[in-house]
Protein backbone atom coordinates (compact mmCIF):
# COMPACT_ATOMS: atom_id res chain seq x y z
CA MET A 1 108.92 24.57 52.85
CA THR A 2 106.35 21.96 51.40
CA HIS A 3 103.76 20.63 52.98
CA GLY A 4 101.79 17.49 52.08
CA SER A 5 98.30 16.59 50.71
CA SER A 6 95.54 17.71 52.66
CA THR A 7 93.32 14.60 52.68
CA PRO A 8 93.58 12.09 55.48
CA GLY A 9 92.53 9.50 52.96
CA ARG A 10 95.15 9.73 50.39
CA GLN A 11 96.00 5.78 50.34
CA ALA A 12 92.35 5.02 49.88
CA ALA A 13 92.01 7.43 46.80
CA LEU A 14 94.93 5.85 45.25
CA GLY A 15 92.49 2.67 44.65
CA LYS A 16 90.16 4.70 42.77
CA ILE A 17 92.30 4.82 39.33
CA ASP A 18 89.84 3.81 36.78
CA THR A 19 91.88 2.95 33.39
CA SER A 20 89.34 1.64 32.02
CA VAL A 21 88.21 4.81 30.45
CA PRO A 22 90.04 7.96 29.45
CA HIS A 23 90.85 11.06 31.46
CA SER A 24 90.84 14.53 30.79
CA ALA A 25 94.11 15.43 33.00
CA ARG A 26 96.16 11.97 31.39
CA ILE A 27 95.15 12.82 27.57
CA TRP A 28 96.43 16.36 28.01
CA ASN A 29 99.78 15.13 29.70
CA TYR A 30 100.09 12.58 26.83
CA TRP A 31 99.55 15.62 24.14
CA MET A 32 102.27 17.14 26.49
CA GLY A 33 104.52 15.05 25.67
CA GLY A 34 104.25 13.08 29.53
CA LYS A 35 104.20 10.12 30.67
CA ASP A 36 101.83 9.93 33.50
CA ASN A 37 98.84 8.23 31.46
CA TYR A 38 97.53 5.08 30.06
CA GLU A 39 96.53 3.00 26.87
CA VAL A 40 93.29 4.10 26.67
CA ASP A 41 94.47 7.67 27.09
CA ARG A 42 96.74 7.72 24.45
CA VAL A 43 94.05 5.80 22.13
CA ALA A 44 91.61 8.68 22.85
CA GLY A 45 93.99 11.33 22.46
CA ASP A 46 94.95 9.92 18.84
CA GLN A 47 91.30 9.65 18.41
CA TYR A 48 90.81 13.06 18.90
CA ARG A 49 93.97 14.46 17.28
CA GLU A 50 92.90 13.12 14.20
CA VAL A 51 89.54 14.95 13.93
CA ALA A 52 91.10 18.34 15.74
CA PRO A 53 94.91 18.15 14.18
CA THR A 54 95.27 21.56 15.90
CA ILE A 55 94.90 19.78 19.49
CA GLU A 56 98.49 19.40 20.64
CA VAL A 57 99.20 22.90 19.59
CA MET A 58 96.48 24.55 21.70
CA ALA A 59 98.08 22.32 24.60
CA ARG A 60 101.35 23.93 24.27
CA ALA A 61 100.16 27.18 23.69
CA SER A 62 97.75 26.74 26.85
CA ARG A 63 100.95 26.22 29.38
CA ALA A 64 102.92 28.89 27.44
CA TYR A 65 100.22 31.05 28.71
CA LEU A 66 100.26 29.62 32.11
CA ILE A 67 104.23 30.39 32.13
CA ARG A 68 103.59 33.93 31.02
CA THR A 69 100.52 34.87 32.95
CA VAL A 70 101.93 33.63 36.07
CA THR A 71 104.93 35.35 35.77
CA HIS A 72 103.32 38.83 34.99
CA VAL A 73 101.26 38.07 38.06
CA ALA A 74 104.26 37.13 40.36
CA GLY A 75 106.65 39.73 38.79
CA GLU A 76 105.00 42.99 37.85
CA ALA A 77 102.00 42.68 39.85
CA GLY A 78 103.53 41.50 42.73
CA ILE A 79 101.42 38.68 43.73
CA ARG A 80 102.76 36.24 46.29
CA GLN A 81 100.12 33.51 46.61
CA PHE A 82 98.17 31.75 44.02
CA LEU A 83 95.30 28.88 44.55
CA ASP A 84 95.29 26.83 41.72
CA ILE A 85 92.50 24.73 40.94
CA GLY A 86 92.11 21.99 38.48
CA THR A 87 96.20 21.69 38.78
CA GLY A 88 96.15 18.34 36.30
CA LEU A 89 99.21 16.14 36.26
CA PRO A 90 102.58 17.71 36.64
CA THR A 91 104.36 18.16 33.56
CA TYR A 92 107.29 21.18 32.95
CA ASP A 93 107.03 24.89 34.70
CA ASN A 94 104.06 23.45 36.91
CA THR A 95 102.63 27.04 38.69
CA HIS A 96 104.85 26.80 41.88
CA GLN A 97 107.94 26.41 39.58
CA VAL A 98 107.25 29.64 37.69
CA ALA A 99 105.66 31.69 40.69
CA GLN A 100 109.14 30.99 42.35
CA ARG A 101 111.64 31.48 40.23
CA VAL A 102 110.38 34.72 40.32
CA ALA A 103 109.69 35.07 43.92
CA PRO A 104 110.89 32.02 45.65
CA GLU A 105 109.00 32.89 48.86
CA ALA A 106 105.62 32.77 47.02
CA ARG A 107 102.86 30.18 48.87
CA ILE A 108 101.31 28.08 46.13
CA VAL A 109 97.97 26.10 46.83
CA TYR A 110 97.22 23.34 44.10
CA VAL A 111 93.54 21.61 44.06
CA ASP A 112 92.35 18.76 42.17
CA ASN A 113 90.56 15.45 42.86
CA ASP A 114 91.84 13.28 40.58
CA PRO A 115 93.70 9.91 42.10
CA LEU A 116 96.35 10.28 39.79
CA VAL A 117 97.17 13.57 40.08
CA LEU A 118 97.12 12.81 44.11
CA ARG A 119 99.77 10.19 43.42
CA HIS A 120 102.02 12.93 41.62
CA ALA A 121 101.12 15.23 44.29
CA GLN A 122 105.06 14.55 45.75
CA ALA A 123 106.07 15.97 42.55
CA LEU A 124 103.77 19.17 42.71
CA LEU A 125 104.86 19.65 46.44
CA THR A 126 108.70 20.38 45.90
CA SER A 127 108.97 23.87 46.79
CA THR A 128 111.84 26.54 47.23
CA PRO A 129 112.79 26.74 50.97
CA GLU A 130 111.38 30.12 51.29
CA GLY A 131 108.67 29.36 50.10
CA VAL A 132 105.52 26.97 50.16
CA THR A 133 103.12 24.09 48.37
CA ASP A 134 100.08 22.65 49.58
CA TYR A 135 98.01 20.07 47.67
CA ILE A 136 94.11 19.59 48.86
CA ASP A 137 91.77 17.13 47.51
CA ALA A 138 88.79 18.50 46.43
CA ASP A 139 86.33 18.96 43.87
CA LEU A 140 85.38 22.51 42.18
CA HIS A 141 81.69 21.90 42.93
CA GLU A 142 82.31 22.82 46.46
CA PRO A 143 83.99 26.34 46.62
CA ASP A 144 83.52 26.72 50.12
CA ARG A 145 85.29 23.70 50.84
CA ILE A 146 87.87 24.45 48.85
CA LEU A 147 88.46 28.04 50.43
CA GLU A 148 88.15 26.79 54.06
CA ALA A 149 91.07 24.25 53.09
CA ALA A 150 93.38 26.72 51.26
CA SER A 151 93.03 29.32 53.97
CA LYS A 152 95.67 27.18 56.09
CA THR A 153 97.56 28.11 53.86
CA LEU A 154 97.06 31.09 51.90
CA ASP A 155 96.55 34.40 53.59
CA PHE A 156 92.60 35.34 52.48
CA SER A 157 93.42 39.01 53.90
CA ARG A 158 96.38 39.62 51.41
CA PRO A 159 95.95 39.54 47.52
CA VAL A 160 96.00 36.08 45.78
CA ALA A 161 95.75 34.63 42.23
CA LEU A 162 93.12 32.32 41.73
CA MET A 163 93.67 30.16 38.90
CA LEU A 164 90.88 28.18 36.73
CA MET A 165 93.07 26.71 33.78
CA GLY A 166 90.90 24.85 31.50
CA ILE A 167 88.87 23.56 34.17
CA LEU A 168 85.49 25.62 34.23
CA GLY A 169 84.46 23.31 31.08
CA HIS A 170 84.19 20.57 33.47
CA ILE A 171 81.13 22.42 34.88
CA ARG A 172 78.10 21.67 32.21
CA ASP A 173 75.88 23.91 33.53
CA TYR A 174 76.91 27.32 32.71
CA ASP A 175 75.12 29.18 35.49
CA GLU A 176 76.48 26.81 37.99
CA ALA A 177 80.06 27.52 36.18
CA ARG A 178 79.30 31.27 36.85
CA SER A 179 78.42 30.76 39.84
CA ILE A 180 81.31 28.58 41.20
CA ALA A 181 83.41 31.10 39.63
CA ARG A 182 82.28 34.15 41.08
CA ARG A 183 81.87 32.55 44.65
CA LEU A 184 85.51 31.78 44.43
CA GLN A 185 86.51 35.35 43.56
CA ASP A 186 84.36 36.79 46.12
CA ALA A 187 86.80 35.31 48.72
CA LEU A 188 89.63 37.26 47.46
CA PRO A 189 90.42 40.54 48.72
CA ALA A 190 91.14 43.54 46.59
CA GLY A 191 94.16 43.68 44.82
CA SER A 192 93.62 40.18 43.63
CA TYR A 193 93.94 38.71 40.34
CA PHE A 194 91.85 36.01 38.31
CA VAL A 195 93.21 33.85 35.80
CA HIS A 196 92.10 31.71 33.23
CA TYR A 197 91.51 30.30 30.24
CA ASP A 198 88.86 27.97 28.47
CA SER A 199 88.35 26.40 25.03
CA THR A 200 86.03 27.55 22.77
CA ASP A 201 83.42 26.12 20.58
CA THR A 202 84.79 28.23 17.54
CA ASP A 203 85.69 25.22 15.66
CA GLN A 204 83.96 22.91 14.19
CA ALA A 205 86.09 19.97 13.46
CA LEU A 206 87.47 20.53 17.84
CA LYS A 207 83.44 20.50 18.47
CA GLN A 208 83.26 17.22 16.62
CA ALA A 209 86.03 15.94 18.08
CA GLN A 210 85.07 16.60 21.38
CA GLN A 211 81.34 15.14 21.27
CA GLY A 212 83.58 12.05 20.11
CA TYR A 213 85.73 12.34 23.71
CA ASP A 214 82.46 13.17 24.98
CA ASP A 215 80.95 9.93 24.07
CA THR A 216 83.34 7.17 25.48
CA GLY A 217 81.84 7.55 28.97
CA ALA A 218 85.11 10.12 29.68
CA VAL A 219 84.02 13.58 32.34
CA PRO A 220 82.45 15.74 29.29
CA TYR A 221 84.13 19.05 28.57
CA VAL A 222 82.24 21.30 27.88
CA LEU A 223 83.00 24.22 24.74
CA ARG A 224 81.92 27.23 24.95
CA SER A 225 81.89 30.46 23.10
CA PRO A 226 84.10 33.62 23.40
CA GLU A 227 81.12 35.70 24.47
CA GLN A 228 80.60 33.07 27.43
CA ILE A 229 83.65 32.84 28.72
CA ALA A 230 84.29 36.81 29.18
CA ARG A 231 81.06 36.61 31.46
CA PHE A 232 83.61 34.77 33.83
CA TYR A 233 85.56 37.77 34.27
CA ASP A 234 82.28 40.02 35.34
CA GLY A 235 82.79 42.39 38.34
CA LEU A 236 86.66 42.28 37.29
CA GLU A 237 88.72 44.40 35.68
CA LEU A 238 90.52 42.95 32.50
CA ILE A 239 94.43 43.94 31.89
CA GLU A 240 95.67 44.13 28.56
CA PRO A 241 95.11 42.71 25.96
CA GLY A 242 91.49 41.54 27.43
CA ILE A 243 90.36 38.11 26.62
CA VAL A 244 91.83 36.63 23.67
CA SER A 245 93.46 33.56 21.93
CA CYS A 246 95.43 32.27 24.86
CA PRO A 247 98.94 32.82 22.33
CA LEU A 248 97.92 36.18 21.37
CA TRP A 249 98.49 37.28 25.48
CA ARG A 250 101.94 38.93 25.51
CA PRO A 251 103.16 36.69 23.39
CA GLU A 252 107.44 37.27 24.03
CA PRO A 253 109.68 38.54 21.55
CA ALA A 254 111.52 35.01 21.15
CA ASP A 255 108.04 33.07 20.91
CA ALA A 256 107.76 31.00 17.42
CA PRO A 257 105.63 32.76 15.09
CA ILE A 258 101.96 32.98 16.72
CA GLU A 259 99.42 30.58 15.76
CA LYS A 260 95.53 31.65 16.88
CA THR A 261 93.96 28.72 19.00
CA ASP A 262 90.91 27.89 20.26
CA VAL A 263 91.49 28.29 23.49
CA TYR A 264 91.06 31.66 25.20
CA GLY A 265 91.85 33.66 28.66
CA GLY A 266 92.85 36.57 30.08
CA VAL A 267 93.87 38.13 33.44
CA ALA A 268 91.91 40.00 35.56
CA HIS A 269 92.24 42.29 38.24
CA LYS A 270 90.21 43.06 41.66
CA PRO A 271 89.24 46.41 42.38
């Protein structure tokens, strides 16, 4: 089963795409080998990569991490509902594809507020017949609105996997970012999971490249310390191996040689 976008003003939103300023979701798509980007994004992405050559490795490592974490949560943990906020542009192995390979009946709600993501929502909303996918056009700064809209598809009396993948860095104020994460976590019942990653400030070249990107007028992204990232998990039970560089989170035996990257994350259980 497939649902459409939950936003009534879909056509109006499509007119808001700004191709004069680089956008993180489109640049990330470019680094991942996707086609849903513009010249301004490719230029910014190339400039970023010149300063921080490891950025493409980071992008691909974060996608591999998503695949492993969703597979674990849908498989070993038995979760059948996913709330993925900050969806980004579709590429390979999106959350619903990974989850529904394990459990075809899984229900996935995507959330983003980018017009280009909205334009590609139909690609995201290709569910198995047994499952459901939906898309909500909403901003992370409005967690209550997200939860209300998601409740039309997800049953919040049963465990949900909350996914905040590379998105909390867009909340510039650290206390606000923690507050938003906590508000969303508080809405989950016991037995739910929190799946997350964000880029860290542990590499000087990355910090320099990020500052150059922020100076273009694009929406800034705040690099935080691993210690700050760990506070997003307060009150939850981390599963092994805890909060680590993403390639170190339960790598598969067949994976390529592990390269530690400056993207840290973990999976936690809500008791």
